[in-house]
Amino acid sequence: RFSATFGSYSFTSRFENGLLTLVSDF
């Protein structure tokens, strides 16, 4: 996770029951 006056970014990931989920917001 990152945040500044010029922008922000987050990245999350999880693994459940064989399912990989990746999410990013820029």
mmCIF file of all heavy atoms, coordinates in Angstrom:
data_MODEL
# 
_entry.id   MODEL 
# 
loop_
_atom_site.group_PDB 
_atom_site.id 
_atom_site.type_symbol 
_atom_site.label_atom_id 
_atom_site.label_alt_id 
_atom_site.label_comp_id 
_atom_site.label_asym_id 
_atom_site.label_entity_id 
_atom_site.label_seq_id 
_atom_site.pdbx_PDB_ins_code 
_atom_site.Cartn_x 
_atom_site.Cartn_y 
_atom_site.Cartn_z 
_atom_site.occupancy 
_atom_site.B_iso_or_equiv 
_atom_site.pdbx_formal_charge 
_atom_site.auth_seq_id 
_atom_site.auth_comp_id 
_atom_site.auth_asym_id 
_atom_site.auth_atom_id 
_atom_site.pdbx_PDB_model_num 
ATOM 1   N N   . ARG A 1 1  ? 0.854   -1.193  0.000   1.00 0.00 ? 1  ARG A N   1 
ATOM 2   C CA  . ARG A 1 1  ? 0.000   0.000   0.000   1.00 0.00 ? 1  ARG A CA  1 
ATOM 3   C C   . ARG A 1 1  ? 0.888   1.241   0.000   1.00 0.00 ? 1  ARG A C   1 
ATOM 4   O O   . ARG A 1 1  ? 1.904   1.289   0.689   1.00 0.00 ? 1  ARG A O   1 
ATOM 5   C CB  . ARG A 1 1  ? -0.920  -0.003  1.212   1.00 0.00 ? 1  ARG A CB  1 
ATOM 6   C CG  . ARG A 1 1  ? -2.000  1.080   1.188   1.00 0.00 ? 1  ARG A CG  1 
ATOM 7   C CD  . ARG A 1 1  ? -2.989  0.856   2.321   1.00 0.00 ? 1  ARG A CD  1 
ATOM 8   N NE  . ARG A 1 1  ? -3.700  -0.405  2.158   1.00 0.00 ? 1  ARG A NE  1 
ATOM 9   C CZ  . ARG A 1 1  ? -4.790  -0.559  1.411   1.00 0.00 ? 1  ARG A CZ  1 
ATOM 10  N NH1 . ARG A 1 1  ? -5.279  0.480   0.743   1.00 0.00 ? 1  ARG A NH1 1 
ATOM 11  N NH2 . ARG A 1 1  ? -5.381  -1.737  1.346   1.00 0.00 ? 1  ARG A NH2 1 
ATOM 12  N N   . PHE A 1 2  ? 0.479   2.251   -0.804  1.00 0.00 ? 2  PHE A N   1 
ATOM 13  C CA  . PHE A 1 2  ? 1.234   3.503   -0.881  1.00 0.00 ? 2  PHE A CA  1 
ATOM 14  C C   . PHE A 1 2  ? 0.258   4.636   -1.152  1.00 0.00 ? 2  PHE A C   1 
ATOM 15  O O   . PHE A 1 2  ? -0.704  4.470   -1.920  1.00 0.00 ? 2  PHE A O   1 
ATOM 16  C CB  . PHE A 1 2  ? 2.275   3.437   -2.005  1.00 0.00 ? 2  PHE A CB  1 
ATOM 17  C CG  . PHE A 1 2  ? 3.079   4.703   -2.166  1.00 0.00 ? 2  PHE A CG  1 
ATOM 18  C CD1 . PHE A 1 2  ? 4.268   4.873   -1.488  1.00 0.00 ? 2  PHE A CD1 1 
ATOM 19  C CD2 . PHE A 1 2  ? 2.628   5.728   -2.986  1.00 0.00 ? 2  PHE A CD2 1 
ATOM 20  C CE1 . PHE A 1 2  ? 5.008   6.042   -1.632  1.00 0.00 ? 2  PHE A CE1 1 
ATOM 21  C CE2 . PHE A 1 2  ? 3.363   6.898   -3.135  1.00 0.00 ? 2  PHE A CE2 1 
ATOM 22  C CZ  . PHE A 1 2  ? 4.556   7.059   -2.452  1.00 0.00 ? 2  PHE A CZ  1 
ATOM 23  N N   . SER A 1 3  ? 0.530   5.812   -0.549  1.00 0.00 ? 3  SER A N   1 
ATOM 24  C CA  . SER A 1 3  ? -0.320  6.971   -0.795  1.00 0.00 ? 3  SER A CA  1 
ATOM 25  C C   . SER A 1 3  ? 0.506   8.238   -0.705  1.00 0.00 ? 3  SER A C   1 
ATOM 26  O O   . SER A 1 3  ? 1.366   8.379   0.178   1.00 0.00 ? 3  SER A O   1 
ATOM 27  C CB  . SER A 1 3  ? -1.472  7.019   0.224   1.00 0.00 ? 3  SER A CB  1 
ATOM 28  O OG  . SER A 1 3  ? -2.313  8.123   -0.028  1.00 0.00 ? 3  SER A OG  1 
ATOM 29  N N   . ALA A 1 4  ? 0.285   9.164   -1.645  1.00 0.00 ? 4  ALA A N   1 
ATOM 30  C CA  . ALA A 1 4  ? 0.963   10.455  -1.656  1.00 0.00 ? 4  ALA A CA  1 
ATOM 31  C C   . ALA A 1 4  ? 0.055   11.451  -2.368  1.00 0.00 ? 4  ALA A C   1 
ATOM 32  O O   . ALA A 1 4  ? -1.008  11.094  -2.883  1.00 0.00 ? 4  ALA A O   1 
ATOM 33  C CB  . ALA A 1 4  ? 2.321   10.353  -2.358  1.00 0.00 ? 4  ALA A CB  1 
ATOM 34  N N   . THR A 1 5  ? 0.485   12.713  -2.409  1.00 0.00 ? 5  THR A N   1 
ATOM 35  C CA  . THR A 1 5  ? -0.344  13.733  -3.058  1.00 0.00 ? 5  THR A CA  1 
ATOM 36  C C   . THR A 1 5  ? -0.513  13.466  -4.544  1.00 0.00 ? 5  THR A C   1 
ATOM 37  O O   . THR A 1 5  ? -1.521  13.846  -5.140  1.00 0.00 ? 5  THR A O   1 
ATOM 38  C CB  . THR A 1 5  ? 0.278   15.129  -2.871  1.00 0.00 ? 5  THR A CB  1 
ATOM 39  O OG1 . THR A 1 5  ? 1.630   15.105  -3.354  1.00 0.00 ? 5  THR A OG1 1 
ATOM 40  C CG2 . THR A 1 5  ? 0.263   15.532  -1.407  1.00 0.00 ? 5  THR A CG2 1 
ATOM 41  N N   . PHE A 1 6  ? 0.476   12.806  -5.160  1.00 0.00 ? 6  PHE A N   1 
ATOM 42  C CA  . PHE A 1 6  ? 0.441   12.584  -6.600  1.00 0.00 ? 6  PHE A CA  1 
ATOM 43  C C   . PHE A 1 6  ? -0.168  11.243  -6.998  1.00 0.00 ? 6  PHE A C   1 
ATOM 44  O O   . PHE A 1 6  ? -0.332  10.967  -8.187  1.00 0.00 ? 6  PHE A O   1 
ATOM 45  C CB  . PHE A 1 6  ? 1.849   12.692  -7.202  1.00 0.00 ? 6  PHE A CB  1 
ATOM 46  C CG  . PHE A 1 6  ? 2.886   11.889  -6.461  1.00 0.00 ? 6  PHE A CG  1 
ATOM 47  C CD1 . PHE A 1 6  ? 2.947   10.516  -6.588  1.00 0.00 ? 6  PHE A CD1 1 
ATOM 48  C CD2 . PHE A 1 6  ? 3.793   12.525  -5.634  1.00 0.00 ? 6  PHE A CD2 1 
ATOM 49  C CE1 . PHE A 1 6  ? 3.892   9.776   -5.917  1.00 0.00 ? 6  PHE A CE1 1 
ATOM 50  C CE2 . PHE A 1 6  ? 4.760   11.797  -4.948  1.00 0.00 ? 6  PHE A CE2 1 
ATOM 51  C CZ  . PHE A 1 6  ? 4.805   10.415  -5.096  1.00 0.00 ? 6  PHE A CZ  1 
ATOM 52  N N   . GLY A 1 7  ? -0.510  10.381  -6.022  1.00 0.00 ? 7  GLY A N   1 
ATOM 53  C CA  . GLY A 1 7  ? -1.112  9.116   -6.407  1.00 0.00 ? 7  GLY A CA  1 
ATOM 54  C C   . GLY A 1 7  ? -1.177  8.125   -5.265  1.00 0.00 ? 7  GLY A C   1 
ATOM 55  O O   . GLY A 1 7  ? -0.727  8.384   -4.141  1.00 0.00 ? 7  GLY A O   1 
ATOM 56  N N   . SER A 1 8  ? -1.732  6.975   -5.570  1.00 0.00 ? 8  SER A N   1 
ATOM 57  C CA  . SER A 1 8  ? -1.843  5.911   -4.571  1.00 0.00 ? 8  SER A CA  1 
ATOM 58  C C   . SER A 1 8  ? -1.825  4.568   -5.278  1.00 0.00 ? 8  SER A C   1 
ATOM 59  O O   . SER A 1 8  ? -2.091  4.464   -6.481  1.00 0.00 ? 8  SER A O   1 
ATOM 60  C CB  . SER A 1 8  ? -3.126  6.058   -3.746  1.00 0.00 ? 8  SER A CB  1 
ATOM 61  O OG  . SER A 1 8  ? -4.269  5.924   -4.577  1.00 0.00 ? 8  SER A OG  1 
ATOM 62  N N   . TYR A 1 9  ? -1.525  3.524   -4.483  1.00 0.00 ? 9  TYR A N   1 
ATOM 63  C CA  . TYR A 1 9  ? -1.454  2.168   -5.034  1.00 0.00 ? 9  TYR A CA  1 
ATOM 64  C C   . TYR A 1 9  ? -1.712  1.175   -3.913  1.00 0.00 ? 9  TYR A C   1 
ATOM 65  O O   . TYR A 1 9  ? -1.252  1.358   -2.780  1.00 0.00 ? 9  TYR A O   1 
ATOM 66  C CB  . TYR A 1 9  ? -0.068  1.928   -5.641  1.00 0.00 ? 9  TYR A CB  1 
ATOM 67  C CG  . TYR A 1 9  ? 0.152   0.528   -6.167  1.00 0.00 ? 9  TYR A CG  1 
ATOM 68  C CD1 . TYR A 1 9  ? -0.434  0.108   -7.363  1.00 0.00 ? 9  TYR A CD1 1 
ATOM 69  C CD2 . TYR A 1 9  ? 0.950   -0.384  -5.474  1.00 0.00 ? 9  TYR A CD2 1 
ATOM 70  C CE1 . TYR A 1 9  ? -0.228  -1.166  -7.854  1.00 0.00 ? 9  TYR A CE1 1 
ATOM 71  C CE2 . TYR A 1 9  ? 1.169   -1.664  -5.963  1.00 0.00 ? 9  TYR A CE2 1 
ATOM 72  C CZ  . TYR A 1 9  ? 0.568   -2.052  -7.153  1.00 0.00 ? 9  TYR A CZ  1 
ATOM 73  O OH  . TYR A 1 9  ? 0.776   -3.315  -7.646  1.00 0.00 ? 9  TYR A OH  1 
ATOM 74  N N   . SER A 1 10 ? -2.473  0.144   -4.237  1.00 0.00 ? 10 SER A N   1 
ATOM 75  C CA  . SER A 1 10 ? -2.656  -0.955  -3.285  1.00 0.00 ? 10 SER A CA  1 
ATOM 76  C C   . SER A 1 10 ? -2.635  -2.265  -4.050  1.00 0.00 ? 10 SER A C   1 
ATOM 77  O O   . SER A 1 10 ? -3.075  -2.338  -5.219  1.00 0.00 ? 10 SER A O   1 
ATOM 78  C CB  . SER A 1 10 ? -3.967  -0.807  -2.515  1.00 0.00 ? 10 SER A CB  1 
ATOM 79  O OG  . SER A 1 10 ? -5.082  -0.982  -3.374  1.00 0.00 ? 10 SER A OG  1 
ATOM 80  N N   . PHE A 1 11 ? -2.121  -3.303  -3.395  1.00 0.00 ? 11 PHE A N   1 
ATOM 81  C CA  . PHE A 1 11 ? -2.055  -4.639  -3.987  1.00 0.00 ? 11 PHE A CA  1 
ATOM 82  C C   . PHE A 1 11 ? -2.402  -5.640  -2.899  1.00 0.00 ? 11 PHE A C   1 
ATOM 83  O O   . PHE A 1 11 ? -1.826  -5.619  -1.805  1.00 0.00 ? 11 PHE A O   1 
ATOM 84  C CB  . PHE A 1 11 ? -0.655  -4.915  -4.534  1.00 0.00 ? 11 PHE A CB  1 
ATOM 85  C CG  . PHE A 1 11 ? -0.534  -6.245  -5.216  1.00 0.00 ? 11 PHE A CG  1 
ATOM 86  C CD1 . PHE A 1 11 ? -0.782  -6.375  -6.569  1.00 0.00 ? 11 PHE A CD1 1 
ATOM 87  C CD2 . PHE A 1 11 ? -0.184  -7.385  -4.496  1.00 0.00 ? 11 PHE A CD2 1 
ATOM 88  C CE1 . PHE A 1 11 ? -0.678  -7.607  -7.198  1.00 0.00 ? 11 PHE A CE1 1 
ATOM 89  C CE2 . PHE A 1 11 ? -0.085  -8.618  -5.119  1.00 0.00 ? 11 PHE A CE2 1 
ATOM 90  C CZ  . PHE A 1 11 ? -0.336  -8.719  -6.473  1.00 0.00 ? 11 PHE A CZ  1 
ATOM 91  N N   . THR A 1 12 ? -3.363  -6.506  -3.175  1.00 0.00 ? 12 THR A N   1 
ATOM 92  C CA  . THR A 1 12 ? -3.746  -7.535  -2.214  1.00 0.00 ? 12 THR A CA  1 
ATOM 93  C C   . THR A 1 12 ? -3.791  -8.882  -2.926  1.00 0.00 ? 12 THR A C   1 
ATOM 94  O O   . THR A 1 12 ? -4.014  -8.962  -4.141  1.00 0.00 ? 12 THR A O   1 
ATOM 95  C CB  . THR A 1 12 ? -5.123  -7.247  -1.586  1.00 0.00 ? 12 THR A CB  1 
ATOM 96  O OG1 . THR A 1 12 ? -6.113  -7.194  -2.628  1.00 0.00 ? 12 THR A OG1 1 
ATOM 97  C CG2 . THR A 1 12 ? -5.108  -5.931  -0.836  1.00 0.00 ? 12 THR A CG2 1 
ATOM 98  N N   . SER A 1 13 ? -3.586  -9.942  -2.143  1.00 0.00 ? 13 SER A N   1 
ATOM 99  C CA  . SER A 1 13 ? -3.627  -11.297 -2.711  1.00 0.00 ? 13 SER A CA  1 
ATOM 100 C C   . SER A 1 13 ? -4.126  -12.263 -1.655  1.00 0.00 ? 13 SER A C   1 
ATOM 101 O O   . SER A 1 13 ? -3.911  -12.064 -0.453  1.00 0.00 ? 13 SER A O   1 
ATOM 102 C CB  . SER A 1 13 ? -2.239  -11.714 -3.207  1.00 0.00 ? 13 SER A CB  1 
ATOM 103 O OG  . SER A 1 13 ? -1.279  -11.594 -2.173  1.00 0.00 ? 13 SER A OG  1 
ATOM 104 N N   . ARG A 1 14 ? -4.780  -13.309 -2.115  1.00 0.00 ? 14 ARG A N   1 
ATOM 105 C CA  . ARG A 1 14 ? -5.216  -14.353 -1.186  1.00 0.00 ? 14 ARG A CA  1 
ATOM 106 C C   . ARG A 1 14 ? -5.332  -15.673 -1.942  1.00 0.00 ? 14 ARG A C   1 
ATOM 107 O O   . ARG A 1 14 ? -5.455  -15.691 -3.167  1.00 0.00 ? 14 ARG A O   1 
ATOM 108 C CB  . ARG A 1 14 ? -6.526  -13.993 -0.503  1.00 0.00 ? 14 ARG A CB  1 
ATOM 109 C CG  . ARG A 1 14 ? -7.744  -13.969 -1.397  1.00 0.00 ? 14 ARG A CG  1 
ATOM 110 C CD  . ARG A 1 14 ? -9.012  -13.687 -0.577  1.00 0.00 ? 14 ARG A CD  1 
ATOM 111 N NE  . ARG A 1 14 ? -10.214 -13.767 -1.395  1.00 0.00 ? 14 ARG A NE  1 
ATOM 112 C CZ  . ARG A 1 14 ? -10.747 -12.755 -2.044  1.00 0.00 ? 14 ARG A CZ  1 
ATOM 113 N NH1 . ARG A 1 14 ? -10.171 -11.555 -1.976  1.00 0.00 ? 14 ARG A NH1 1 
ATOM 114 N NH2 . ARG A 1 14 ? -11.841 -12.917 -2.754  1.00 0.00 ? 14 ARG A NH2 1 
ATOM 115 N N   . PHE A 1 15 ? -5.297  -16.767 -1.172  1.00 0.00 ? 15 PHE A N   1 
ATOM 116 C CA  . PHE A 1 15 ? -5.383  -18.105 -1.755  1.00 0.00 ? 15 PHE A CA  1 
ATOM 117 C C   . PHE A 1 15 ? -6.279  -18.947 -0.862  1.00 0.00 ? 15 PHE A C   1 
ATOM 118 O O   . PHE A 1 15 ? -5.965  -19.174 0.312   1.00 0.00 ? 15 PHE A O   1 
ATOM 119 C CB  . PHE A 1 15 ? -3.980  -18.724 -1.856  1.00 0.00 ? 15 PHE A CB  1 
ATOM 120 C CG  . PHE A 1 15 ? -3.955  -20.043 -2.564  1.00 0.00 ? 15 PHE A CG  1 
ATOM 121 C CD1 . PHE A 1 15 ? -4.068  -20.119 -3.947  1.00 0.00 ? 15 PHE A CD1 1 
ATOM 122 C CD2 . PHE A 1 15 ? -3.827  -21.230 -1.843  1.00 0.00 ? 15 PHE A CD2 1 
ATOM 123 C CE1 . PHE A 1 15 ? -4.041  -21.342 -4.610  1.00 0.00 ? 15 PHE A CE1 1 
ATOM 124 C CE2 . PHE A 1 15 ? -3.805  -22.453 -2.491  1.00 0.00 ? 15 PHE A CE2 1 
ATOM 125 C CZ  . PHE A 1 15 ? -3.913  -22.513 -3.882  1.00 0.00 ? 15 PHE A CZ  1 
ATOM 126 N N   . GLU A 1 16 ? -7.403  -19.361 -1.429  1.00 0.00 ? 16 GLU A N   1 
ATOM 127 C CA  . GLU A 1 16 ? -8.371  -20.148 -0.666  1.00 0.00 ? 16 GLU A CA  1 
ATOM 128 C C   . GLU A 1 16 ? -8.923  -21.267 -1.536  1.00 0.00 ? 16 GLU A C   1 
ATOM 129 O O   . GLU A 1 16 ? -9.394  -21.011 -2.650  1.00 0.00 ? 16 GLU A O   1 
ATOM 130 C CB  . GLU A 1 16 ? -9.532  -19.272 -0.185  1.00 0.00 ? 16 GLU A CB  1 
ATOM 131 C CG  . GLU A 1 16 ? -9.131  -18.171 0.786   1.00 0.00 ? 16 GLU A CG  1 
ATOM 132 C CD  . GLU A 1 16 ? -10.302 -17.277 1.150   1.00 0.00 ? 16 GLU A CD  1 
ATOM 133 O OE1 . GLU A 1 16 ? -11.373 -17.422 0.508   1.00 0.00 ? 16 GLU A OE1 1 
ATOM 134 O OE2 . GLU A 1 16 ? -10.155 -16.448 2.062   1.00 0.00 ? 16 GLU A OE2 1 
ATOM 135 N N   . ASN A 1 17 ? -8.838  -22.496 -1.035  1.00 0.00 ? 17 ASN A N   1 
ATOM 136 C CA  . ASN A 1 17 ? -9.410  -23.657 -1.729  1.00 0.00 ? 17 ASN A CA  1 
ATOM 137 C C   . ASN A 1 17 ? -8.942  -23.756 -3.184  1.00 0.00 ? 17 ASN A C   1 
ATOM 138 O O   . ASN A 1 17 ? -9.710  -24.016 -4.104  1.00 0.00 ? 17 ASN A O   1 
ATOM 139 C CB  . ASN A 1 17 ? -10.940 -23.599 -1.696  1.00 0.00 ? 17 ASN A CB  1 
ATOM 140 C CG  . ASN A 1 17 ? -11.482 -23.583 -0.284  1.00 0.00 ? 17 ASN A CG  1 
ATOM 141 O OD1 . ASN A 1 17 ? -10.984 -24.293 0.581   1.00 0.00 ? 17 ASN A OD1 1 
ATOM 142 N ND2 . ASN A 1 17 ? -12.505 -22.754 -0.047  1.00 0.00 ? 17 ASN A ND2 1 
ATOM 143 N N   . GLY A 1 18 ? -7.651  -23.500 -3.384  1.00 0.00 ? 18 GLY A N   1 
ATOM 144 C CA  . GLY A 1 18 ? -7.071  -23.622 -4.720  1.00 0.00 ? 18 GLY A CA  1 
ATOM 145 C C   . GLY A 1 18 ? -7.322  -22.429 -5.619  1.00 0.00 ? 18 GLY A C   1 
ATOM 146 O O   . GLY A 1 18 ? -6.925  -22.444 -6.789  1.00 0.00 ? 18 GLY A O   1 
ATOM 147 N N   . LEU A 1 19 ? -7.950  -21.358 -5.099  1.00 0.00 ? 19 LEU A N   1 
ATOM 148 C CA  . LEU A 1 19 ? -8.281  -20.189 -5.919  1.00 0.00 ? 19 LEU A CA  1 
ATOM 149 C C   . LEU A 1 19 ? -7.365  -19.027 -5.535  1.00 0.00 ? 19 LEU A C   1 
ATOM 150 O O   . LEU A 1 19 ? -7.388  -18.547 -4.396  1.00 0.00 ? 19 LEU A O   1 
ATOM 151 C CB  . LEU A 1 19 ? -9.744  -19.804 -5.705  1.00 0.00 ? 19 LEU A CB  1 
ATOM 152 C CG  . LEU A 1 19 ? -10.375 -18.882 -6.755  1.00 0.00 ? 19 LEU A CG  1 
ATOM 153 C CD1 . LEU A 1 19 ? -10.448 -19.579 -8.107  1.00 0.00 ? 19 LEU A CD1 1 
ATOM 154 C CD2 . LEU A 1 19 ? -11.764 -18.447 -6.302  1.00 0.00 ? 19 LEU A CD2 1 
ATOM 155 N N   . LEU A 1 20 ? -6.561  -18.567 -6.497  1.00 0.00 ? 20 LEU A N   1 
ATOM 156 C CA  . LEU A 1 20 ? -5.651  -17.442 -6.305  1.00 0.00 ? 20 LEU A CA  1 
ATOM 157 C C   . LEU A 1 20 ? -6.341  -16.167 -6.787  1.00 0.00 ? 20 LEU A C   1 
ATOM 158 O O   . LEU A 1 20 ? -6.803  -16.089 -7.929  1.00 0.00 ? 20 LEU A O   1 
ATOM 159 C CB  . LEU A 1 20 ? -4.361  -17.669 -7.092  1.00 0.00 ? 20 LEU A CB  1 
ATOM 160 C CG  . LEU A 1 20 ? -3.372  -16.500 -7.125  1.00 0.00 ? 20 LEU A CG  1 
ATOM 161 C CD1 . LEU A 1 20 ? -2.816  -16.217 -5.727  1.00 0.00 ? 20 LEU A CD1 1 
ATOM 162 C CD2 . LEU A 1 20 ? -2.238  -16.786 -8.115  1.00 0.00 ? 20 LEU A CD2 1 
ATOM 163 N N   . THR A 1 21 ? -6.400  -15.143 -5.921  1.00 0.00 ? 21 THR A N   1 
ATOM 164 C CA  . THR A 1 21 ? -7.035  -13.872 -6.267  1.00 0.00 ? 21 THR A CA  1 
ATOM 165 C C   . THR A 1 21 ? -6.048  -12.738 -6.023  1.00 0.00 ? 21 THR A C   1 
ATOM 166 O O   . THR A 1 21 ? -5.533  -12.580 -4.910  1.00 0.00 ? 21 THR A O   1 
ATOM 167 C CB  . THR A 1 21 ? -8.307  -13.624 -5.430  1.00 0.00 ? 21 THR A CB  1 
ATOM 168 O OG1 . THR A 1 21 ? -9.219  -14.711 -5.626  1.00 0.00 ? 21 THR A OG1 1 
ATOM 169 C CG2 . THR A 1 21 ? -8.977  -12.329 -5.840  1.00 0.00 ? 21 THR A CG2 1 
ATOM 170 N N   . LEU A 1 22 ? -5.774  -11.958 -7.066  1.00 0.00 ? 22 LEU A N   1 
ATOM 171 C CA  . LEU A 1 22 ? -4.886  -10.802 -6.989  1.00 0.00 ? 22 LEU A CA  1 
ATOM 172 C C   . LEU A 1 22 ? -5.666  -9.561  -7.411  1.00 0.00 ? 22 LEU A C   1 
ATOM 173 O O   . LEU A 1 22 ? -6.353  -9.578  -8.438  1.00 0.00 ? 22 LEU A O   1 
ATOM 174 C CB  . LEU A 1 22 ? -3.672  -10.976 -7.904  1.00 0.00 ? 22 LEU A CB  1 
ATOM 175 C CG  . LEU A 1 22 ? -2.865  -12.272 -7.764  1.00 0.00 ? 22 LEU A CG  1 
ATOM 176 C CD1 . LEU A 1 22 ? -1.760  -12.319 -8.811  1.00 0.00 ? 22 LEU A CD1 1 
ATOM 177 C CD2 . LEU A 1 22 ? -2.280  -12.393 -6.365  1.00 0.00 ? 22 LEU A CD2 1 
ATOM 178 N N   . VAL A 1 23 ? -5.547  -8.481  -6.647  1.00 0.00 ? 23 VAL A N   1 
ATOM 179 C CA  . VAL A 1 23 ? -6.269  -7.237  -6.944  1.00 0.00 ? 23 VAL A CA  1 
ATOM 180 C C   . VAL A 1 23 ? -5.316  -6.065  -6.756  1.00 0.00 ? 23 VAL A C   1 
ATOM 181 O O   . VAL A 1 23 ? -4.647  -5.965  -5.711  1.00 0.00 ? 23 VAL A O   1 
ATOM 182 C CB  . VAL A 1 23 ? -7.496  -7.049  -6.026  1.00 0.00 ? 23 VAL A CB  1 
ATOM 183 C CG1 . VAL A 1 23 ? -8.187  -5.718  -6.329  1.00 0.00 ? 23 VAL A CG1 1 
ATOM 184 C CG2 . VAL A 1 23 ? -8.470  -8.212  -6.184  1.00 0.00 ? 23 VAL A CG2 1 
ATOM 185 N N   . SER A 1 24 ? -5.239  -5.183  -7.759  1.00 0.00 ? 24 SER A N   1 
ATOM 186 C CA  . SER A 1 24 ? -4.438  -3.968  -7.620  1.00 0.00 ? 24 SER A CA  1 
ATOM 187 C C   . SER A 1 24 ? -5.274  -2.755  -7.998  1.00 0.00 ? 24 SER A C   1 
ATOM 188 O O   . SER A 1 24 ? -6.145  -2.828  -8.877  1.00 0.00 ? 24 SER A O   1 
ATOM 189 C CB  . SER A 1 24 ? -3.177  -4.036  -8.485  1.00 0.00 ? 24 SER A CB  1 
ATOM 190 O OG  . SER A 1 24 ? -3.485  -3.866  -9.850  1.00 0.00 ? 24 SER A OG  1 
ATOM 191 N N   . ASP A 1 25 ? -5.016  -1.636  -7.315  1.00 0.00 ? 25 ASP A N   1 
ATOM 192 C CA  . ASP A 1 25 ? -5.677  -0.358  -7.600  1.00 0.00 ? 25 ASP A CA  1 
ATOM 193 C C   . ASP A 1 25 ? -4.615  0.728   -7.668  1.00 0.00 ? 25 ASP A C   1 
ATOM 194 O O   . ASP A 1 25 ? -3.834  0.899   -6.712  1.00 0.00 ? 25 ASP A O   1 
ATOM 195 C CB  . ASP A 1 25 ? -6.699  -0.016  -6.519  1.00 0.00 ? 25 ASP A CB  1 
ATOM 196 C CG  . ASP A 1 25 ? -7.948  -0.868  -6.628  1.00 0.00 ? 25 ASP A CG  1 
ATOM 197 O OD1 . ASP A 1 25 ? -8.717  -0.663  -7.573  1.00 0.00 ? 25 ASP A OD1 1 
ATOM 198 O OD2 . ASP A 1 25 ? -8.137  -1.756  -5.767  1.00 0.00 ? 25 ASP A OD2 1 
ATOM 199 N N   . PHE A 1 26 ? -4.622  1.459   -8.786  1.00 0.00 ? 26 PHE A N   1 
ATOM 200 C CA  . PHE A 1 26 ? -3.603  2.482   -9.047  1.00 0.00 ? 26 PHE A CA  1 
ATOM 201 C C   . PHE A 1 26 ? -4.283  3.807   -9.337  1.00 0.00 ? 26 PHE A C   1 
ATOM 202 O O   . PHE A 1 26 ? -5.276  3.863   -10.067 1.00 0.00 ? 26 PHE A O   1 
ATOM 203 C CB  . PHE A 1 26 ? -2.754  2.042   -10.250 1.00 0.00 ? 26 PHE A CB  1 
ATOM 204 C CG  . PHE A 1 26 ? -1.810  3.095   -10.768 1.00 0.00 ? 26 PHE A CG  1 
ATOM 205 C CD1 . PHE A 1 26 ? -0.545  3.223   -10.236 1.00 0.00 ? 26 PHE A CD1 1 
ATOM 206 C CD2 . PHE A 1 26 ? -2.190  3.951   -11.799 1.00 0.00 ? 26 PHE A CD2 1 
ATOM 207 C CE1 . PHE A 1 26 ? 0.333   4.191   -10.718 1.00 0.00 ? 26 PHE A CE1 1 
ATOM 208 C CE2 . PHE A 1 26 ? -1.322  4.919   -12.287 1.00 0.00 ? 26 PHE A CE2 1 
ATOM 209 C CZ  . PHE A 1 26 ? -0.059  5.040   -11.736 1.00 0.00 ? 26 PHE A CZ  1 
# 
